Amino acid sequence: MKIRAAIPAEKDQICNVLRRSIAELCTADHAGDPTRLDPWLFNKTPENVLAWMNDPTARMLVAVDGTTILGIGSANASGEITLNYVSPDARFRGVSKAILGELENYLREQGNNLSKLTSTSTAHGFYKACGYRDSGPAQKHRQINTQPMEKQL
């Protein structure tokens, strides 16, 4: 597995991994209910992936095995991790943890000493195991319960 910057030609494959990860792995959050799942997926389009990738204030990374994308992560220069999703085909292989480590390195390079993110119920235990702590009350975002978290870098 290699972690590297995402490239525009991968926008469709990245979008597919994002959508599959949410639909197949985050069932604790949406329970297959379209009224909860559809609002989460609505902005996961190739066009938006390309826009996120081209944001000069952010970095989008992919974990790859050859030409297969195993996971996607993104963070902005102000200290927030905005994406960290793994392909259902690569779950429990250390992909998300590796991406998270590289995103935290990026945040340090940008002068941040605090990493912030908003976790789903599915990922909450993962982030706690990686040193994050709850940083405020749970919130509802696009019909999904979320938890703000942070970690000193």
N, C-alpha and C. Protein backbone atom coordinates (compact mmCIF):
# COMPACT_ATOMS: atom_id res chain seq x y z
N MET A 1 0.85 -1.18 0.00
CA MET A 1 0.00 0.00 0.00
C MET A 1 0.89 1.24 0.00
N LYS A 2 0.49 2.20 -0.78
CA LYS A 2 1.21 3.48 -0.88
C LYS A 2 0.19 4.60 -0.67
N ILE A 3 0.60 5.63 0.07
CA ILE A 3 -0.23 6.83 0.25
C ILE A 3 0.39 7.93 -0.60
N ARG A 4 -0.45 8.57 -1.41
CA ARG A 4 0.04 9.66 -2.28
C ARG A 4 -1.09 10.64 -2.55
N ALA A 5 -0.73 11.74 -3.18
CA ALA A 5 -1.72 12.75 -3.56
C ALA A 5 -2.67 12.16 -4.61
N ALA A 6 -3.93 12.49 -4.49
CA ALA A 6 -4.93 12.10 -5.48
C ALA A 6 -4.68 12.88 -6.76
N ILE A 7 -5.04 12.28 -7.89
CA ILE A 7 -4.89 12.95 -9.18
C ILE A 7 -6.26 13.03 -9.87
N PRO A 8 -6.47 14.06 -10.69
CA PRO A 8 -7.77 14.27 -11.31
C PRO A 8 -8.33 13.06 -12.07
N ALA A 9 -7.48 12.30 -12.73
CA ALA A 9 -7.96 11.14 -13.49
C ALA A 9 -8.62 10.09 -12.61
N GLU A 10 -8.43 10.19 -11.29
CA GLU A 10 -9.00 9.21 -10.36
C GLU A 10 -10.34 9.63 -9.78
N LYS A 11 -10.88 10.76 -10.22
CA LYS A 11 -12.09 11.30 -9.58
C LYS A 11 -13.25 10.31 -9.57
N ASP A 12 -13.46 9.56 -10.64
CA ASP A 12 -14.56 8.61 -10.68
C ASP A 12 -14.33 7.45 -9.71
N GLN A 13 -13.12 6.93 -9.68
CA GLN A 13 -12.82 5.83 -8.77
C GLN A 13 -12.90 6.29 -7.31
N ILE A 14 -12.42 7.50 -7.04
CA ILE A 14 -12.51 8.05 -5.68
C ILE A 14 -13.97 8.19 -5.28
N CYS A 15 -14.78 8.74 -6.16
CA CYS A 15 -16.20 8.91 -5.89
C CYS A 15 -16.85 7.56 -5.59
N ASN A 16 -16.52 6.55 -6.36
CA ASN A 16 -17.07 5.22 -6.14
C ASN A 16 -16.69 4.66 -4.77
N VAL A 17 -15.42 4.84 -4.38
CA VAL A 17 -14.98 4.35 -3.07
C VAL A 17 -15.71 5.11 -1.95
N LEU A 18 -15.83 6.42 -2.08
CA LEU A 18 -16.55 7.20 -1.08
C LEU A 18 -17.99 6.69 -0.91
N ARG A 19 -18.67 6.54 -2.02
CA ARG A 19 -20.08 6.13 -1.97
C ARG A 19 -20.24 4.71 -1.44
N ARG A 20 -19.37 3.81 -1.86
CA ARG A 20 -19.44 2.43 -1.35
C ARG A 20 -19.12 2.37 0.14
N SER A 21 -18.13 3.11 0.57
CA SER A 21 -17.76 3.12 1.98
C SER A 21 -18.93 3.57 2.84
N ILE A 22 -19.57 4.64 2.44
CA ILE A 22 -20.71 5.16 3.20
C ILE A 22 -21.87 4.17 3.17
N ALA A 23 -22.22 3.70 1.99
CA ALA A 23 -23.39 2.82 1.85
C ALA A 23 -23.18 1.47 2.52
N GLU A 24 -21.97 0.90 2.39
CA GLU A 24 -21.73 -0.46 2.86
C GLU A 24 -21.15 -0.56 4.26
N LEU A 25 -20.37 0.43 4.68
CA LEU A 25 -19.67 0.33 5.97
C LEU A 25 -20.28 1.19 7.07
N CYS A 26 -21.05 2.17 6.72
CA CYS A 26 -21.59 3.10 7.72
C CYS A 26 -23.06 2.82 8.04
N THR A 27 -23.44 1.57 7.99
CA THR A 27 -24.84 1.22 8.23
C THR A 27 -25.28 1.52 9.65
N ALA A 28 -24.36 1.57 10.60
CA ALA A 28 -24.73 1.95 11.97
C ALA A 28 -25.26 3.39 12.00
N ASP A 29 -24.85 4.18 11.03
CA ASP A 29 -25.27 5.58 10.96
C ASP A 29 -26.57 5.77 10.18
N HIS A 30 -26.72 5.06 9.07
CA HIS A 30 -27.89 5.30 8.22
C HIS A 30 -28.90 4.16 8.20
N ALA A 31 -28.52 2.97 8.68
CA ALA A 31 -29.42 1.81 8.76
C ALA A 31 -30.11 1.51 7.43
N GLY A 32 -29.50 1.90 6.33
CA GLY A 32 -30.09 1.65 5.03
C GLY A 32 -31.28 2.52 4.71
N ASP A 33 -31.56 3.48 5.54
CA ASP A 33 -32.71 4.36 5.37
C ASP A 33 -32.36 5.45 4.35
N PRO A 34 -33.04 5.47 3.21
CA PRO A 34 -32.71 6.48 2.20
C PRO A 34 -32.85 7.92 2.68
N THR A 35 -33.72 8.17 3.66
CA THR A 35 -33.86 9.55 4.15
C THR A 35 -32.63 9.98 4.94
N ARG A 36 -31.82 9.01 5.38
CA ARG A 36 -30.56 9.33 6.06
C ARG A 36 -29.36 9.14 5.14
N LEU A 37 -29.43 8.16 4.26
CA LEU A 37 -28.31 7.85 3.37
C LEU A 37 -28.21 8.85 2.21
N ASP A 38 -29.30 9.15 1.56
CA ASP A 38 -29.25 10.01 0.37
C ASP A 38 -28.67 11.40 0.64
N PRO A 39 -29.04 12.07 1.74
CA PRO A 39 -28.42 13.38 1.99
C PRO A 39 -26.90 13.30 2.20
N TRP A 40 -26.43 12.17 2.71
CA TRP A 40 -24.99 11.97 2.93
C TRP A 40 -24.27 11.76 1.60
N LEU A 41 -24.93 11.08 0.68
CA LEU A 41 -24.30 10.75 -0.61
C LEU A 41 -24.44 11.84 -1.66
N PHE A 42 -25.39 12.77 -1.47
CA PHE A 42 -25.74 13.69 -2.55
C PHE A 42 -24.56 14.47 -3.11
N ASN A 43 -23.59 14.84 -2.29
CA ASN A 43 -22.47 15.65 -2.80
C ASN A 43 -21.25 14.81 -3.17
N LYS A 44 -21.37 13.50 -3.08
CA LYS A 44 -20.26 12.61 -3.44
C LYS A 44 -20.35 12.31 -4.93
N THR A 45 -19.94 13.29 -5.73
CA THR A 45 -19.97 13.21 -7.19
C THR A 45 -18.55 13.38 -7.72
N PRO A 46 -18.28 12.89 -8.92
CA PRO A 46 -16.94 13.11 -9.50
C PRO A 46 -16.59 14.59 -9.61
N GLU A 47 -17.58 15.42 -9.92
CA GLU A 47 -17.31 16.86 -10.04
C GLU A 47 -16.89 17.47 -8.70
N ASN A 48 -17.56 17.08 -7.63
CA ASN A 48 -17.19 17.59 -6.31
C ASN A 48 -15.85 17.03 -5.85
N VAL A 49 -15.60 15.76 -6.14
CA VAL A 49 -14.30 15.18 -5.79
C VAL A 49 -13.19 15.99 -6.47
N LEU A 50 -13.37 16.31 -7.73
CA LEU A 50 -12.37 17.11 -8.45
C LEU A 50 -12.21 18.48 -7.82
N ALA A 51 -13.31 19.11 -7.44
CA ALA A 51 -13.24 20.43 -6.79
C ALA A 51 -12.50 20.33 -5.46
N TRP A 52 -12.79 19.30 -4.66
CA TRP A 52 -12.09 19.12 -3.38
C TRP A 52 -10.60 18.89 -3.62
N MET A 53 -10.30 18.11 -4.64
CA MET A 53 -8.91 17.80 -4.96
C MET A 53 -8.14 19.06 -5.38
N ASN A 54 -8.82 19.95 -6.07
CA ASN A 54 -8.17 21.16 -6.59
C ASN A 54 -8.20 22.34 -5.62
N ASP A 55 -8.75 22.15 -4.44
CA ASP A 55 -8.80 23.22 -3.44
C ASP A 55 -7.36 23.53 -2.99
N PRO A 56 -6.87 24.75 -3.21
CA PRO A 56 -5.49 25.07 -2.85
C PRO A 56 -5.25 25.13 -1.34
N THR A 57 -6.31 25.13 -0.54
CA THR A 57 -6.15 25.19 0.92
C THR A 57 -6.32 23.81 1.56
N ALA A 58 -6.27 22.76 0.75
CA ALA A 58 -6.49 21.41 1.26
C ALA A 58 -5.57 20.42 0.56
N ARG A 59 -5.51 19.22 1.11
CA ARG A 59 -4.76 18.12 0.50
C ARG A 59 -5.64 16.89 0.52
N MET A 60 -5.79 16.26 -0.66
CA MET A 60 -6.51 15.00 -0.76
C MET A 60 -5.50 13.90 -1.07
N LEU A 61 -5.57 12.85 -0.26
CA LEU A 61 -4.67 11.71 -0.41
C LEU A 61 -5.46 10.45 -0.75
N VAL A 62 -4.79 9.52 -1.42
CA VAL A 62 -5.36 8.21 -1.66
C VAL A 62 -4.37 7.16 -1.19
N ALA A 63 -4.91 6.06 -0.71
CA ALA A 63 -4.12 4.86 -0.44
C ALA A 63 -4.35 3.95 -1.63
N VAL A 64 -3.28 3.48 -2.24
CA VAL A 64 -3.41 2.66 -3.44
C VAL A 64 -2.61 1.37 -3.30
N ASP A 65 -3.11 0.37 -4.00
CA ASP A 65 -2.39 -0.88 -4.21
C ASP A 65 -2.37 -1.05 -5.72
N GLY A 66 -1.24 -0.71 -6.33
CA GLY A 66 -1.18 -0.65 -7.78
C GLY A 66 -2.04 0.49 -8.26
N THR A 67 -3.07 0.17 -9.06
CA THR A 67 -3.98 1.20 -9.55
C THR A 67 -5.32 1.18 -8.81
N THR A 68 -5.42 0.34 -7.81
CA THR A 68 -6.67 0.23 -7.04
C THR A 68 -6.65 1.18 -5.86
N ILE A 69 -7.67 2.02 -5.75
CA ILE A 69 -7.77 2.94 -4.62
C ILE A 69 -8.41 2.20 -3.45
N LEU A 70 -7.68 2.18 -2.34
CA LEU A 70 -8.13 1.50 -1.13
C LEU A 70 -8.82 2.44 -0.16
N GLY A 71 -8.47 3.72 -0.21
CA GLY A 71 -9.04 4.69 0.71
C GLY A 71 -8.73 6.10 0.28
N ILE A 72 -9.49 7.04 0.84
CA ILE A 72 -9.37 8.46 0.52
C ILE A 72 -9.37 9.26 1.80
N GLY A 73 -8.53 10.28 1.85
CA GLY A 73 -8.55 11.19 2.98
C GLY A 73 -8.29 12.60 2.51
N SER A 74 -8.79 13.57 3.27
CA SER A 74 -8.56 14.96 2.93
C SER A 74 -8.54 15.79 4.21
N ALA A 75 -7.75 16.84 4.17
CA ALA A 75 -7.69 17.78 5.29
C ALA A 75 -7.47 19.17 4.73
N ASN A 76 -7.91 20.17 5.49
CA ASN A 76 -7.66 21.54 5.06
C ASN A 76 -6.55 22.16 5.93
N ALA A 77 -5.93 23.17 5.39
CA ALA A 77 -4.77 23.77 6.04
C ALA A 77 -5.08 24.38 7.40
N SER A 78 -6.34 24.64 7.67
CA SER A 78 -6.69 25.24 8.96
C SER A 78 -6.78 24.21 10.09
N GLY A 79 -6.59 22.93 9.78
CA GLY A 79 -6.50 21.92 10.84
C GLY A 79 -7.64 20.93 10.92
N GLU A 80 -8.47 20.87 9.90
CA GLU A 80 -9.62 19.96 9.95
C GLU A 80 -9.48 18.82 8.96
N ILE A 81 -9.65 17.61 9.44
CA ILE A 81 -9.73 16.44 8.57
C ILE A 81 -11.17 16.36 8.09
N THR A 82 -11.34 16.38 6.77
CA THR A 82 -12.68 16.45 6.20
C THR A 82 -13.16 15.14 5.59
N LEU A 83 -12.25 14.27 5.21
CA LEU A 83 -12.60 12.95 4.67
C LEU A 83 -11.61 11.92 5.18
N ASN A 84 -12.12 10.72 5.47
CA ASN A 84 -11.29 9.55 5.74
C ASN A 84 -12.17 8.33 5.56
N TYR A 85 -12.14 7.78 4.35
CA TYR A 85 -13.00 6.67 3.99
C TYR A 85 -12.17 5.54 3.38
N VAL A 86 -12.58 4.33 3.67
CA VAL A 86 -11.88 3.15 3.16
C VAL A 86 -12.83 2.34 2.28
N SER A 87 -12.29 1.72 1.25
CA SER A 87 -13.07 0.83 0.42
C SER A 87 -13.52 -0.37 1.24
N PRO A 88 -14.75 -0.83 1.05
CA PRO A 88 -15.18 -2.04 1.76
C PRO A 88 -14.26 -3.23 1.48
N ASP A 89 -13.60 -3.23 0.34
CA ASP A 89 -12.69 -4.31 -0.03
C ASP A 89 -11.38 -4.27 0.75
N ALA A 90 -11.11 -3.16 1.45
CA ALA A 90 -9.83 -2.99 2.16
C ALA A 90 -10.02 -2.75 3.66
N ARG A 91 -11.20 -2.97 4.17
CA ARG A 91 -11.48 -2.70 5.58
C ARG A 91 -10.60 -3.57 6.48
N PHE A 92 -10.17 -3.00 7.60
CA PHE A 92 -9.35 -3.66 8.62
C PHE A 92 -7.96 -4.06 8.11
N ARG A 93 -7.44 -3.29 7.15
CA ARG A 93 -6.09 -3.51 6.64
C ARG A 93 -5.16 -2.35 7.00
N GLY A 94 -5.60 -1.44 7.86
CA GLY A 94 -4.77 -0.33 8.28
C GLY A 94 -4.79 0.86 7.34
N VAL A 95 -5.70 0.85 6.37
CA VAL A 95 -5.76 1.92 5.37
C VAL A 95 -6.13 3.25 6.01
N SER A 96 -7.23 3.28 6.76
CA SER A 96 -7.67 4.54 7.37
C SER A 96 -6.64 5.09 8.34
N LYS A 97 -5.99 4.22 9.09
CA LYS A 97 -4.98 4.66 10.05
C LYS A 97 -3.77 5.26 9.33
N ALA A 98 -3.38 4.64 8.23
CA ALA A 98 -2.25 5.16 7.45
C ALA A 98 -2.59 6.52 6.84
N ILE A 99 -3.78 6.65 6.29
CA ILE A 99 -4.21 7.93 5.72
C ILE A 99 -4.27 8.98 6.82
N LEU A 100 -4.85 8.63 7.95
CA LEU A 100 -4.95 9.57 9.07
C LEU A 100 -3.57 10.08 9.48
N GLY A 101 -2.60 9.19 9.57
CA GLY A 101 -1.24 9.59 9.94
C GLY A 101 -0.65 10.58 8.95
N GLU A 102 -0.87 10.36 7.66
CA GLU A 102 -0.36 11.28 6.64
C GLU A 102 -1.09 12.63 6.68
N LEU A 103 -2.39 12.58 6.94
CA LEU A 103 -3.13 13.84 7.06
C LEU A 103 -2.66 14.63 8.28
N GLU A 104 -2.40 13.96 9.38
CA GLU A 104 -1.88 14.65 10.57
C GLU A 104 -0.51 15.25 10.29
N ASN A 105 0.33 14.54 9.52
CA ASN A 105 1.62 15.12 9.12
C ASN A 105 1.42 16.39 8.31
N TYR A 106 0.46 16.36 7.37
CA TYR A 106 0.15 17.55 6.58
C TYR A 106 -0.28 18.70 7.49
N LEU A 107 -1.14 18.41 8.46
CA LEU A 107 -1.60 19.46 9.37
C LEU A 107 -0.43 20.07 10.15
N ARG A 108 0.49 19.24 10.61
CA ARG A 108 1.69 19.75 11.30
C ARG A 108 2.50 20.65 10.37
N GLU A 109 2.68 20.20 9.12
CA GLU A 109 3.43 21.00 8.14
C GLU A 109 2.79 22.37 7.92
N GLN A 110 1.48 22.44 8.09
CA GLN A 110 0.75 23.70 7.92
C GLN A 110 0.77 24.55 9.18
N GLY A 111 1.46 24.09 10.22
CA GLY A 111 1.60 24.86 11.45
C GLY A 111 0.52 24.60 12.49
N ASN A 112 -0.26 23.56 12.29
CA ASN A 112 -1.32 23.24 13.25
C ASN A 112 -0.77 22.36 14.37
N ASN A 113 -1.21 22.61 15.58
CA ASN A 113 -0.88 21.71 16.69
C ASN A 113 -2.11 20.99 17.21
N LEU A 114 -3.24 21.17 16.50
CA LEU A 114 -4.49 20.53 16.86
C LEU A 114 -5.17 20.04 15.59
N SER A 115 -5.58 18.79 15.60
CA SER A 115 -6.35 18.22 14.50
C SER A 115 -7.80 18.11 14.94
N LYS A 116 -8.70 18.57 14.08
CA LYS A 116 -10.14 18.50 14.38
C LYS A 116 -10.82 17.68 13.29
N LEU A 117 -11.90 17.03 13.67
CA LEU A 117 -12.71 16.29 12.72
C LEU A 117 -14.09 16.09 13.29
N THR A 118 -14.99 15.66 12.45
CA THR A 118 -16.34 15.30 12.87
C THR A 118 -16.53 13.84 12.54
N SER A 119 -16.75 13.03 13.56
CA SER A 119 -16.85 11.59 13.39
C SER A 119 -18.30 11.13 13.28
N THR A 120 -18.48 10.07 12.53
CA THR A 120 -19.75 9.36 12.53
C THR A 120 -19.75 8.37 13.69
N SER A 121 -20.89 7.78 13.96
CA SER A 121 -20.95 6.73 14.98
C SER A 121 -20.07 5.55 14.59
N THR A 122 -20.06 5.21 13.31
CA THR A 122 -19.27 4.09 12.82
C THR A 122 -17.79 4.28 13.13
N ALA A 123 -17.27 5.48 12.94
CA ALA A 123 -15.84 5.74 13.06
C ALA A 123 -15.41 6.22 14.45
N HIS A 124 -16.34 6.50 15.33
CA HIS A 124 -16.02 7.10 16.63
C HIS A 124 -15.00 6.28 17.42
N GLY A 125 -15.19 4.99 17.52
CA GLY A 125 -14.25 4.14 18.26
C GLY A 125 -12.87 4.13 17.62
N PHE A 126 -12.82 4.14 16.30
CA PHE A 126 -11.55 4.19 15.57
C PHE A 126 -10.77 5.45 15.94
N TYR A 127 -11.44 6.60 15.90
CA TYR A 127 -10.75 7.85 16.21
C TYR A 127 -10.32 7.91 17.67
N LYS A 128 -11.14 7.39 18.57
CA LYS A 128 -10.73 7.35 19.99
C LYS A 128 -9.47 6.52 20.14
N ALA A 129 -9.40 5.38 19.46
CA ALA A 129 -8.22 4.52 19.51
C ALA A 129 -6.99 5.20 18.91
N CYS A 130 -7.20 6.19 18.05
CA CYS A 130 -6.10 6.94 17.43
C CYS A 130 -5.75 8.20 18.21
N GLY A 131 -6.32 8.37 19.40
CA GLY A 131 -5.94 9.48 20.26
C GLY A 131 -6.85 10.68 20.22
N TYR A 132 -7.95 10.63 19.50
CA TYR A 132 -8.89 11.75 19.45
C TYR A 132 -9.83 11.68 20.65
N ARG A 133 -10.32 12.86 21.03
CA ARG A 133 -11.28 12.92 22.14
C ARG A 133 -12.45 13.79 21.70
N ASP A 134 -13.60 13.52 22.29
CA ASP A 134 -14.78 14.33 22.00
C ASP A 134 -14.50 15.78 22.40
N SER A 135 -14.93 16.70 21.56
CA SER A 135 -14.63 18.11 21.82
C SER A 135 -15.88 18.98 21.87
N GLY A 136 -17.01 18.37 22.02
CA GLY A 136 -18.25 19.13 22.10
C GLY A 136 -19.42 18.17 22.06
N PRO A 137 -20.62 18.71 22.12
CA PRO A 137 -21.79 17.84 22.10
C PRO A 137 -22.01 17.22 20.72
N ALA A 138 -22.62 16.05 20.72
CA ALA A 138 -22.99 15.41 19.46
C ALA A 138 -23.92 16.33 18.69
N GLN A 139 -23.86 16.22 17.38
CA GLN A 139 -24.67 17.06 16.50
C GLN A 139 -25.34 16.18 15.45
N LYS A 140 -26.34 16.72 14.79
CA LYS A 140 -26.95 16.03 13.66
C LYS A 140 -26.57 16.81 12.41
N HIS A 141 -26.03 16.09 11.42
CA HIS A 141 -25.63 16.70 10.16
C HIS A 141 -26.16 15.82 9.03
N ARG A 142 -26.98 16.39 8.17
CA ARG A 142 -27.59 15.65 7.06
C ARG A 142 -28.24 14.35 7.54
N GLN A 143 -28.98 14.45 8.61
CA GLN A 143 -29.75 13.32 9.17
C GLN A 143 -28.88 12.26 9.85
N ILE A 144 -27.58 12.52 10.02
CA ILE A 144 -26.66 11.57 10.64
C ILE A 144 -26.16 12.17 11.95
N ASN A 145 -26.09 11.35 13.00
CA ASN A 145 -25.51 11.80 14.26
C ASN A 145 -23.99 11.86 14.10
N THR A 146 -23.42 12.98 14.51
CA THR A 146 -21.97 13.17 14.39
C THR A 146 -21.40 13.65 15.72
N GLN A 147 -20.10 13.50 15.86
CA GLN A 147 -19.42 13.88 17.09
C GLN A 147 -18.16 14.67 16.75
N PRO A 148 -18.08 15.96 17.16
CA PRO A 148 -16.83 16.69 16.96
C PRO A 148 -15.74 16.09 17.85
N MET A 149 -14.54 15.98 17.29
CA MET A 149 -13.41 15.41 18.02
C MET A 149 -12.17 16.21 17.70
N GLU A 150 -11.15 16.05 18.55
CA GLU A 150 -9.87 16.72 18.33
C GLU A 150 -8.73 15.93 18.94
N LYS A 151 -7.53 16.25 18.48
CA LYS A 151 -6.32 15.59 18.98
C LYS A 151 -5.18 16.58 18.93
N GLN A 152 -4.41 16.65 20.00
CA GLN A 152 -3.17 17.45 19.98
C GLN A 152 -2.15 16.75 19.09
N LEU A 153 -1.52 17.53 18.24
CA LEU A 153 -0.51 16.97 17.34
C LEU A 153 0.89 17.15 17.88
